[in-house]
Amino acid sequence: MSKLAELRQLQQEMEALEARKQALAESKEVQNEMAFEAGLNELMEKYSYTKADVLRILNPAAAPKSTTSTRKQRTAKVYLNPHTGEEVVTKGGNHKTLKAWKEQYGEEVNTWLQ
């Protein structure tokens, strides 16, 4: 296809799209939706509400979910070394000092849990 033919085809497509756009803009349904949206935006601005607030009010089940985690938090464990009196507070077993103690003292470390 020549460039001139491609240009003419694109111009025809643009004219068809422009006609569809104009028809939609003049339709009663679109006019009603635009009026509703404008009124809703005015109310939201007047009462200082966001779209998320409006959704939460109208349908609490469909409101955006909280970003907080539902996973249960680990409890902190306190290990007290009876040899040195040193204390380690950790939520997991991947603590540097705790690993060193386990290498040095073995399973005895598990009995140091407070």
Protein backbone atom coordinates (compact mmCIF):
# COMPACT_ATOMS: atom_id res chain seq x y z
CA MET A 1 0.00 0.00 0.00
CA SER A 2 1.35 3.38 -0.92
CA LYS A 3 1.85 6.06 1.67
CA LEU A 4 -0.79 8.24 0.01
CA ALA A 5 -3.37 5.45 0.18
CA GLU A 6 -2.46 4.77 3.80
CA LEU A 7 -2.89 8.49 4.60
CA ARG A 8 -6.34 8.59 2.95
CA GLN A 9 -7.42 5.46 4.79
CA LEU A 10 -6.32 6.96 8.12
CA GLN A 11 -8.19 10.18 7.36
CA GLN A 12 -11.37 8.20 6.65
CA GLU A 13 -10.97 6.27 9.89
CA MET A 14 -10.41 9.50 11.83
CA GLU A 15 -13.54 11.04 10.29
CA ALA A 16 -15.56 7.94 11.25
CA LEU A 17 -14.20 8.05 14.81
CA GLU A 18 -14.91 11.78 15.06
CA ALA A 19 -18.52 11.15 13.96
CA ARG A 20 -18.90 8.40 16.60
CA LYS A 21 -17.39 10.70 19.22
CA GLN A 22 -19.79 13.52 18.30
CA ALA A 23 -22.79 11.16 18.39
CA LEU A 24 -21.80 9.87 21.82
CA ALA A 25 -21.24 13.36 23.18
CA GLU A 26 -24.72 14.40 22.06
CA SER A 27 -26.50 11.29 23.36
CA LYS A 28 -28.89 11.68 26.29
CA GLU A 29 -27.24 8.84 28.26
CA VAL A 30 -23.81 10.45 28.14
CA GLN A 31 -25.29 13.84 29.06
CA ASN A 32 -26.99 12.28 32.10
CA GLU A 33 -23.80 10.52 33.19
CA MET A 34 -21.76 13.70 32.82
CA ALA A 35 -24.31 15.66 34.87
CA PHE A 36 -24.32 12.96 37.56
CA GLU A 37 -20.52 12.89 37.70
CA ALA A 38 -20.34 16.68 37.96
CA GLY A 39 -22.92 16.71 40.77
CA LEU A 40 -21.15 13.90 42.59
CA ASN A 41 -17.79 15.68 42.32
CA GLU A 42 -19.35 18.84 43.75
CA LEU A 43 -20.78 16.91 46.69
CA MET A 44 -17.48 15.13 47.32
CA GLU A 45 -15.66 18.46 47.31
CA LYS A 46 -18.27 20.12 49.53
CA TYR A 47 -18.06 17.38 52.18
CA SER A 48 -14.36 16.57 51.70
CA TYR A 49 -14.89 12.96 50.63
CA THR A 50 -12.80 10.89 48.25
CA LYS A 51 -14.04 8.31 45.75
CA ALA A 52 -12.90 5.56 48.13
CA ASP A 53 -15.00 7.13 50.92
CA VAL A 54 -18.08 7.20 48.68
CA LEU A 55 -17.56 3.57 47.68
CA ARG A 56 -17.15 2.57 51.33
CA ILE A 57 -20.41 4.33 52.23
CA LEU A 58 -22.45 2.95 49.33
CA ASN A 59 -21.13 -0.61 49.42
CA PRO A 60 -18.88 -1.50 52.36
CA ALA A 61 -18.22 -5.00 50.95
CA ALA A 62 -16.81 -3.57 47.70
CA ALA A 63 -14.58 -0.97 49.36
CA PRO A 64 -10.83 -1.38 48.88
CA LYS A 65 -9.31 -3.86 51.29
CA SER A 66 -7.01 -2.71 54.03
CA THR A 67 -3.33 -2.97 53.24
CA THR A 68 -2.48 -4.20 56.71
CA SER A 69 -1.32 -7.77 56.96
CA THR A 70 -3.59 -10.40 58.45
CA ARG A 71 -0.63 -12.58 59.33
CA LYS A 72 -0.17 -13.15 63.04
CA GLN A 73 2.86 -11.36 64.44
CA ARG A 74 5.58 -13.56 65.89
CA THR A 75 6.16 -13.28 69.59
CA ALA A 76 9.60 -12.24 70.74
CA LYS A 77 11.69 -14.89 72.48
CA VAL A 78 14.24 -14.00 75.11
CA TYR A 79 17.34 -16.14 75.55
CA LEU A 80 19.60 -15.61 78.57
CA ASN A 81 23.11 -17.06 78.39
CA PRO A 82 23.90 -18.38 81.90
CA HIS A 83 27.64 -18.41 81.14
CA THR A 84 27.98 -14.74 80.17
CA GLY A 85 24.70 -13.22 81.40
CA GLU A 86 24.09 -11.88 77.88
CA GLU A 87 20.48 -11.58 76.74
CA VAL A 88 19.17 -11.95 73.17
CA VAL A 89 15.65 -10.95 72.14
CA THR A 90 14.56 -12.36 68.77
CA LYS A 91 11.40 -13.25 66.87
CA GLY A 92 13.09 -16.02 64.91
CA GLY A 93 16.01 -18.39 65.03
CA ASN A 94 18.08 -16.47 62.49
CA HIS A 95 19.79 -14.19 65.01
CA LYS A 96 23.58 -13.90 64.63
CA THR A 97 24.40 -14.22 68.34
CA LEU A 98 21.89 -17.05 68.82
CA LYS A 99 23.49 -18.99 65.96
CA ALA A 100 26.93 -18.49 67.48
CA TRP A 101 25.67 -19.78 70.83
CA LYS A 102 24.15 -22.84 69.17
CA GLU A 103 27.47 -23.58 67.48
CA GLN A 104 29.34 -23.18 70.75
CA TYR A 105 26.89 -24.76 73.24
CA GLY A 106 24.68 -26.93 70.99
CA GLU A 107 21.09 -27.76 71.94
CA GLU A 108 21.66 -26.50 75.47
CA VAL A 109 20.74 -23.04 74.11
CA ASN A 110 17.08 -24.10 73.80
CA THR A 111 16.88 -24.42 77.58
CA TRP A 112 17.92 -20.78 77.99
CA LEU A 113 14.56 -19.57 76.71
CA GLN A 114 12.93 -17.30 79.29
